[in-house]
Amino acid sequence: MRLKKTREREVSSMRVRRSFSREFKREITEAIVSGKISQLEVSRKYSISPVVVSRWKKEYYSGKFFENTNPDHVRLQIKIKELERMVGRLTMENDALKEMVKLVEPQKKDLQQIFTSKDWEALKKDMAK
């Protein structure tokens, strides 16, 4: 009788093993790799072990989630995605820097003055007063 109750508790406390589609794994992994979401956030949001998410990342880099299983093709696809992300990030940085230059240029022009001898003499007189 006691053995039967113990087994019933074990069965009721066991988790149901979930399975995720290849597409879901790829989307999650690409979001992590691109930096849109952290691995910890994914783990918490979907109640997935961080170890499982790490394994998905390794599988992603090995090319498991791509249709063409040719290792060179997969490696090149991953490299292309990384380069596209880098181009996007650099474009955003470039645009931000251009905006900063637009804001700073008028201030620099106001501070830059060309002094002629007349201006210099007038400035000296003003400072002496």
N, C-alpha and C. Protein backbone atom coordinates (compact mmCIF):
# COMPACT_ATOMS: atom_id res chain seq x y z
N MET A 1 0.82 -1.19 0.00
CA MET A 1 0.00 0.00 0.00
C MET A 1 0.87 1.26 0.00
N ARG A 2 1.89 1.27 0.84
CA ARG A 2 2.76 2.42 0.93
C ARG A 2 3.51 2.65 -0.38
N LEU A 3 3.98 1.60 -1.01
CA LEU A 3 4.68 1.69 -2.28
C LEU A 3 3.78 2.28 -3.36
N LYS A 4 2.55 1.90 -3.36
CA LYS A 4 1.60 2.39 -4.35
C LYS A 4 1.40 3.90 -4.22
N LYS A 5 1.27 4.42 -3.00
CA LYS A 5 1.09 5.86 -2.79
C LYS A 5 2.33 6.65 -3.22
N THR A 6 3.51 6.10 -2.97
CA THR A 6 4.74 6.77 -3.36
C THR A 6 4.82 6.89 -4.87
N ARG A 7 4.49 5.84 -5.57
CA ARG A 7 4.53 5.88 -7.03
C ARG A 7 3.51 6.85 -7.59
N GLU A 8 2.35 6.91 -6.98
CA GLU A 8 1.34 7.86 -7.44
C GLU A 8 1.84 9.29 -7.30
N ARG A 9 2.53 9.59 -6.20
CA ARG A 9 3.09 10.94 -6.01
C ARG A 9 4.16 11.22 -7.05
N GLU A 10 5.01 10.24 -7.34
CA GLU A 10 6.08 10.42 -8.32
C GLU A 10 5.50 10.72 -9.69
N VAL A 11 4.49 9.99 -10.07
CA VAL A 11 3.88 10.18 -11.38
C VAL A 11 3.20 11.54 -11.46
N SER A 12 2.52 11.93 -10.40
CA SER A 12 1.81 13.21 -10.44
C SER A 12 2.76 14.40 -10.39
N SER A 13 3.94 14.23 -9.81
CA SER A 13 4.88 15.35 -9.71
C SER A 13 5.81 15.45 -10.91
N MET A 14 5.79 14.48 -11.81
CA MET A 14 6.66 14.52 -12.98
C MET A 14 6.16 15.56 -13.96
N ARG A 15 7.10 16.23 -14.56
CA ARG A 15 6.76 17.24 -15.56
C ARG A 15 6.53 16.58 -16.90
N VAL A 16 5.67 17.20 -17.67
CA VAL A 16 5.44 16.73 -19.02
C VAL A 16 6.54 17.31 -19.89
N ARG A 17 7.16 16.48 -20.66
CA ARG A 17 8.25 16.94 -21.52
C ARG A 17 7.68 17.71 -22.70
N ARG A 18 8.13 18.94 -22.84
CA ARG A 18 7.66 19.77 -23.94
C ARG A 18 8.61 19.64 -25.12
N SER A 19 8.06 19.81 -26.29
CA SER A 19 8.91 19.83 -27.48
C SER A 19 8.62 21.13 -28.24
N PHE A 20 9.66 21.69 -28.81
CA PHE A 20 9.55 22.95 -29.51
C PHE A 20 9.92 22.73 -30.97
N SER A 21 9.26 23.47 -31.83
CA SER A 21 9.52 23.31 -33.26
C SER A 21 10.89 23.87 -33.61
N ARG A 22 11.42 23.41 -34.70
CA ARG A 22 12.71 23.88 -35.19
C ARG A 22 12.65 25.38 -35.47
N GLU A 23 11.52 25.83 -36.03
CA GLU A 23 11.34 27.25 -36.34
C GLU A 23 11.36 28.09 -35.05
N PHE A 24 10.68 27.63 -34.01
CA PHE A 24 10.66 28.35 -32.74
C PHE A 24 12.07 28.45 -32.17
N LYS A 25 12.80 27.35 -32.18
CA LYS A 25 14.17 27.34 -31.66
C LYS A 25 15.04 28.32 -32.43
N ARG A 26 14.89 28.32 -33.76
CA ARG A 26 15.70 29.21 -34.59
C ARG A 26 15.38 30.67 -34.31
N GLU A 27 14.10 31.00 -34.20
CA GLU A 27 13.69 32.37 -33.92
C GLU A 27 14.23 32.85 -32.56
N ILE A 28 14.08 32.00 -31.56
CA ILE A 28 14.57 32.34 -30.22
C ILE A 28 16.08 32.55 -30.24
N THR A 29 16.77 31.63 -30.88
CA THR A 29 18.23 31.70 -30.93
C THR A 29 18.70 32.93 -31.70
N GLU A 30 18.05 33.25 -32.81
CA GLU A 30 18.43 34.44 -33.57
C GLU A 30 18.19 35.71 -32.77
N ALA A 31 17.12 35.74 -31.99
CA ALA A 31 16.86 36.90 -31.13
C ALA A 31 17.95 37.06 -30.08
N ILE A 32 18.41 35.94 -29.53
CA ILE A 32 19.48 36.00 -28.52
C ILE A 32 20.79 36.43 -29.16
N VAL A 33 21.12 35.83 -30.30
CA VAL A 33 22.38 36.13 -30.97
C VAL A 33 22.42 37.58 -31.43
N SER A 34 21.28 38.10 -31.88
CA SER A 34 21.25 39.48 -32.36
C SER A 34 21.24 40.49 -31.22
N GLY A 35 20.99 40.02 -30.01
CA GLY A 35 21.00 40.92 -28.86
C GLY A 35 19.65 41.55 -28.56
N LYS A 36 18.61 41.12 -29.24
CA LYS A 36 17.28 41.67 -29.00
C LYS A 36 16.76 41.27 -27.62
N ILE A 37 17.16 40.11 -27.16
CA ILE A 37 16.70 39.59 -25.87
C ILE A 37 17.84 38.75 -25.28
N SER A 38 17.92 38.72 -23.98
CA SER A 38 18.99 37.95 -23.35
C SER A 38 18.55 36.49 -23.16
N GLN A 39 19.53 35.66 -22.95
CA GLN A 39 19.26 34.23 -22.74
C GLN A 39 18.43 34.04 -21.47
N LEU A 40 18.73 34.81 -20.46
CA LEU A 40 17.99 34.71 -19.20
C LEU A 40 16.53 35.13 -19.37
N GLU A 41 16.31 36.19 -20.15
CA GLU A 41 14.94 36.64 -20.40
C GLU A 41 14.12 35.57 -21.13
N VAL A 42 14.75 34.92 -22.11
CA VAL A 42 14.07 33.84 -22.84
C VAL A 42 13.72 32.71 -21.88
N SER A 43 14.67 32.36 -21.03
CA SER A 43 14.44 31.27 -20.08
C SER A 43 13.26 31.57 -19.17
N ARG A 44 13.21 32.79 -18.70
CA ARG A 44 12.11 33.16 -17.79
C ARG A 44 10.78 33.28 -18.52
N LYS A 45 10.81 33.91 -19.70
CA LYS A 45 9.57 34.16 -20.43
C LYS A 45 8.88 32.87 -20.85
N TYR A 46 9.65 31.90 -21.33
CA TYR A 46 9.08 30.66 -21.85
C TYR A 46 9.23 29.49 -20.88
N SER A 47 9.76 29.74 -19.69
CA SER A 47 10.00 28.68 -18.69
C SER A 47 10.83 27.54 -19.28
N ILE A 48 11.93 27.92 -19.89
CA ILE A 48 12.85 26.96 -20.49
C ILE A 48 14.16 27.04 -19.72
N SER A 49 14.75 25.92 -19.46
CA SER A 49 16.03 25.90 -18.74
C SER A 49 17.10 26.65 -19.53
N PRO A 50 17.93 27.44 -18.85
CA PRO A 50 19.04 28.13 -19.54
C PRO A 50 19.99 27.15 -20.21
N VAL A 51 20.11 25.96 -19.67
CA VAL A 51 20.97 24.94 -20.28
C VAL A 51 20.42 24.54 -21.65
N VAL A 52 19.10 24.41 -21.73
CA VAL A 52 18.47 24.06 -23.01
C VAL A 52 18.69 25.17 -24.03
N VAL A 53 18.54 26.41 -23.59
CA VAL A 53 18.74 27.55 -24.49
C VAL A 53 20.20 27.59 -24.97
N SER A 54 21.14 27.31 -24.08
CA SER A 54 22.56 27.25 -24.48
C SER A 54 22.79 26.17 -25.52
N ARG A 55 22.13 25.05 -25.33
CA ARG A 55 22.27 23.96 -26.31
C ARG A 55 21.71 24.38 -27.66
N TRP A 56 20.59 25.11 -27.64
CA TRP A 56 20.01 25.60 -28.90
C TRP A 56 20.99 26.54 -29.60
N LYS A 57 21.68 27.39 -28.83
CA LYS A 57 22.66 28.30 -29.43
C LYS A 57 23.78 27.52 -30.10
N LYS A 58 24.28 26.49 -29.43
CA LYS A 58 25.34 25.67 -30.02
C LYS A 58 24.84 25.01 -31.29
N GLU A 59 23.62 24.50 -31.26
CA GLU A 59 23.04 23.87 -32.45
C GLU A 59 22.84 24.88 -33.56
N TYR A 60 22.49 26.09 -33.20
CA TYR A 60 22.32 27.15 -34.20
C TYR A 60 23.64 27.42 -34.91
N TYR A 61 24.70 27.58 -34.12
CA TYR A 61 26.01 27.85 -34.71
C TYR A 61 26.54 26.66 -35.50
N SER A 62 26.12 25.47 -35.17
CA SER A 62 26.55 24.31 -35.95
C SER A 62 25.69 24.14 -37.20
N GLY A 63 24.58 24.91 -37.31
CA GLY A 63 23.77 24.89 -38.52
C GLY A 63 22.60 23.93 -38.48
N LYS A 64 22.22 23.46 -37.34
CA LYS A 64 21.16 22.46 -37.25
C LYS A 64 19.79 23.01 -37.66
N PHE A 65 19.57 24.30 -37.49
CA PHE A 65 18.25 24.88 -37.75
C PHE A 65 18.09 25.39 -39.18
N PHE A 66 19.03 25.08 -40.05
CA PHE A 66 18.95 25.53 -41.43
C PHE A 66 18.60 24.36 -42.34
N GLU A 67 17.92 24.67 -43.45
CA GLU A 67 17.46 23.60 -44.35
C GLU A 67 18.62 22.92 -45.05
N ASN A 68 19.55 23.70 -45.56
CA ASN A 68 20.69 23.13 -46.26
C ASN A 68 21.72 22.68 -45.23
N THR A 69 22.05 21.42 -45.23
CA THR A 69 22.94 20.89 -44.20
C THR A 69 24.41 20.90 -44.62
N ASN A 70 24.72 21.47 -45.77
CA ASN A 70 26.11 21.60 -46.19
C ASN A 70 26.81 22.52 -45.19
N PRO A 71 27.85 22.05 -44.50
CA PRO A 71 28.48 22.86 -43.44
C PRO A 71 29.01 24.20 -43.92
N ASP A 72 29.57 24.23 -45.14
CA ASP A 72 30.08 25.51 -45.65
C ASP A 72 28.94 26.50 -45.89
N HIS A 73 27.85 26.00 -46.44
CA HIS A 73 26.70 26.87 -46.71
C HIS A 73 26.12 27.41 -45.42
N VAL A 74 26.00 26.57 -44.44
CA VAL A 74 25.45 26.97 -43.15
C VAL A 74 26.37 27.99 -42.49
N ARG A 75 27.67 27.73 -42.51
CA ARG A 75 28.64 28.64 -41.91
C ARG A 75 28.56 30.01 -42.58
N LEU A 76 28.42 30.01 -43.89
CA LEU A 76 28.32 31.28 -44.62
C LEU A 76 27.01 32.00 -44.31
N GLN A 77 25.92 31.26 -44.16
CA GLN A 77 24.65 31.89 -43.79
C GLN A 77 24.75 32.56 -42.43
N ILE A 78 25.37 31.90 -41.48
CA ILE A 78 25.54 32.47 -40.15
C ILE A 78 26.42 33.71 -40.23
N LYS A 79 27.49 33.65 -41.01
CA LYS A 79 28.40 34.79 -41.16
C LYS A 79 27.67 35.97 -41.79
N ILE A 80 26.82 35.71 -42.79
CA ILE A 80 26.05 36.77 -43.44
C ILE A 80 25.12 37.45 -42.43
N LYS A 81 24.44 36.66 -41.61
CA LYS A 81 23.54 37.23 -40.61
C LYS A 81 24.31 38.09 -39.61
N GLU A 82 25.48 37.61 -39.19
CA GLU A 82 26.30 38.39 -38.25
C GLU A 82 26.74 39.70 -38.88
N LEU A 83 27.15 39.65 -40.15
CA LEU A 83 27.59 40.86 -40.83
C LEU A 83 26.43 41.83 -41.06
N GLU A 84 25.25 41.31 -41.37
CA GLU A 84 24.08 42.18 -41.52
C GLU A 84 23.75 42.89 -40.21
N ARG A 85 23.85 42.18 -39.10
CA ARG A 85 23.61 42.81 -37.80
C ARG A 85 24.65 43.89 -37.53
N MET A 86 25.91 43.61 -37.89
CA MET A 86 26.97 44.57 -37.66
C MET A 86 26.75 45.83 -38.51
N VAL A 87 26.35 45.64 -39.77
CA VAL A 87 26.08 46.78 -40.64
C VAL A 87 24.95 47.63 -40.06
N GLY A 88 23.91 46.99 -39.58
CA GLY A 88 22.80 47.72 -38.97
C GLY A 88 23.24 48.51 -37.75
N ARG A 89 24.04 47.88 -36.90
CA ARG A 89 24.52 48.56 -35.69
C ARG A 89 25.41 49.74 -36.06
N LEU A 90 26.32 49.54 -37.02
CA LEU A 90 27.22 50.62 -37.43
C LEU A 90 26.47 51.76 -38.11
N THR A 91 25.43 51.43 -38.86
CA THR A 91 24.61 52.47 -39.49
C THR A 91 23.94 53.32 -38.43
N MET A 92 23.42 52.68 -37.40
CA MET A 92 22.78 53.43 -36.31
C MET A 92 23.79 54.32 -35.59
N GLU A 93 24.98 53.80 -35.34
CA GLU A 93 26.03 54.59 -34.69
C GLU A 93 26.41 55.78 -35.56
N ASN A 94 26.55 55.53 -36.85
CA ASN A 94 26.92 56.59 -37.79
C ASN A 94 25.87 57.69 -37.80
N ASP A 95 24.60 57.32 -37.84
CA ASP A 95 23.52 58.31 -37.83
C ASP A 95 23.54 59.12 -36.54
N ALA A 96 23.78 58.45 -35.41
CA ALA A 96 23.82 59.15 -34.12
C ALA A 96 24.99 60.13 -34.10
N LEU A 97 26.13 59.73 -34.63
CA LEU A 97 27.28 60.62 -34.64
C LEU A 97 27.05 61.82 -35.56
N LYS A 98 26.38 61.61 -36.68
CA LYS A 98 26.05 62.73 -37.57
C LYS A 98 25.15 63.74 -36.87
N GLU A 99 24.18 63.24 -36.10
CA GLU A 99 23.30 64.13 -35.35
C GLU A 99 24.09 64.92 -34.30
N MET A 100 25.03 64.27 -33.65
CA MET A 100 25.85 64.96 -32.66
C MET A 100 26.68 66.06 -33.30
N VAL A 101 27.23 65.78 -34.48
CA VAL A 101 28.02 66.79 -35.18
C VAL A 101 27.14 67.98 -35.53
N LYS A 102 25.91 67.73 -35.97
CA LYS A 102 24.99 68.82 -36.30
C LYS A 102 24.72 69.70 -35.08
N LEU A 103 24.65 69.09 -33.90
CA LEU A 103 24.39 69.85 -32.68
C LEU A 103 25.62 70.63 -32.20
N VAL A 104 26.81 70.09 -32.43
CA VAL A 104 28.03 70.70 -31.91
C VAL A 104 28.59 71.77 -32.85
N GLU A 105 28.41 71.63 -34.15
CA GLU A 105 28.98 72.56 -35.12
C GLU A 105 28.60 74.02 -34.86
N PRO A 106 27.33 74.34 -34.65
CA PRO A 106 27.00 75.76 -34.40
C PRO A 106 27.71 76.32 -33.16
N GLN A 107 27.87 75.51 -32.15
CA GLN A 107 28.55 75.97 -30.94
C GLN A 107 30.02 76.23 -31.22
N LYS A 108 30.65 75.40 -32.01
CA LYS A 108 32.06 75.60 -32.35
C LYS A 108 32.25 76.86 -33.17
N LYS A 109 31.33 77.14 -34.08
CA LYS A 109 31.45 78.33 -34.93
C LYS A 109 31.32 79.60 -34.10
N ASP A 110 30.46 79.56 -33.08
CA ASP A 110 30.30 80.73 -32.21
C ASP A 110 31.57 80.99 -31.41
N LEU A 111 32.27 79.95 -31.03
CA LEU A 111 33.48 80.11 -30.22
C LEU A 111 34.68 80.50 -31.06
N GLN A 112 34.67 80.19 -32.33
CA GLN A 112 35.80 80.51 -33.20
C GLN A 112 35.64 81.91 -33.73
N GLN A 113 36.62 82.74 -33.44
CA GLN A 113 36.58 84.10 -33.94
C GLN A 113 37.93 84.41 -34.57
N ILE A 114 37.86 85.17 -35.63
CA ILE A 114 39.10 85.61 -36.28
C ILE A 114 39.35 87.02 -35.80
N PHE A 115 40.51 87.21 -35.21
CA PHE A 115 40.87 88.52 -34.68
C PHE A 115 41.75 89.26 -35.68
N THR A 116 41.36 90.46 -35.95
CA THR A 116 42.22 91.36 -36.72
C THR A 116 42.91 92.26 -35.72
N SER A 117 43.82 93.06 -36.19
CA SER A 117 44.55 93.94 -35.26
C SER A 117 43.60 94.93 -34.59
N LYS A 118 42.58 95.39 -35.32
CA LYS A 118 41.61 96.32 -34.73
C LYS A 118 40.81 95.61 -33.63
N ASP A 119 40.37 94.37 -33.93
CA ASP A 119 39.61 93.61 -32.92
C ASP A 119 40.46 93.35 -31.68
N TRP A 120 41.73 93.06 -31.91
CA TRP A 120 42.62 92.75 -30.80
C TRP A 120 42.81 93.97 -29.90
N GLU A 121 42.99 95.11 -30.53
CA GLU A 121 43.15 96.34 -29.75
C GLU A 121 41.88 96.66 -28.98
N ALA A 122 40.74 96.48 -29.59
CA ALA A 122 39.46 96.76 -28.91
C ALA A 122 39.26 95.79 -27.75
N LEU A 123 39.62 94.54 -27.94
CA LEU A 123 39.49 93.55 -26.88
C LEU A 123 40.42 93.88 -25.71
N LYS A 124 41.63 94.35 -26.02
CA LYS A 124 42.57 94.73 -24.97
C LYS A 124 42.01 95.91 -24.14
N LYS A 125 41.42 96.88 -24.84
CA LYS A 125 40.86 98.05 -24.15
C LYS A 125 39.69 97.62 -23.24
N ASP A 126 38.85 96.72 -23.75
CA ASP A 126 37.70 96.24 -22.96
C ASP A 126 38.18 95.49 -21.72
N MET A 127 39.24 94.72 -21.87
CA MET A 127 39.75 93.94 -20.73
C MET A 127 40.42 94.85 -19.71
N ALA A 128 41.02 95.95 -20.16
CA ALA A 128 41.72 96.86 -19.26
C ALA A 128 40.71 97.62 -18.39
N LYS A 129 39.52 97.83 -18.85
CA LYS A 129 38.53 98.60 -18.11
C LYS A 129 38.03 97.88 -16.94
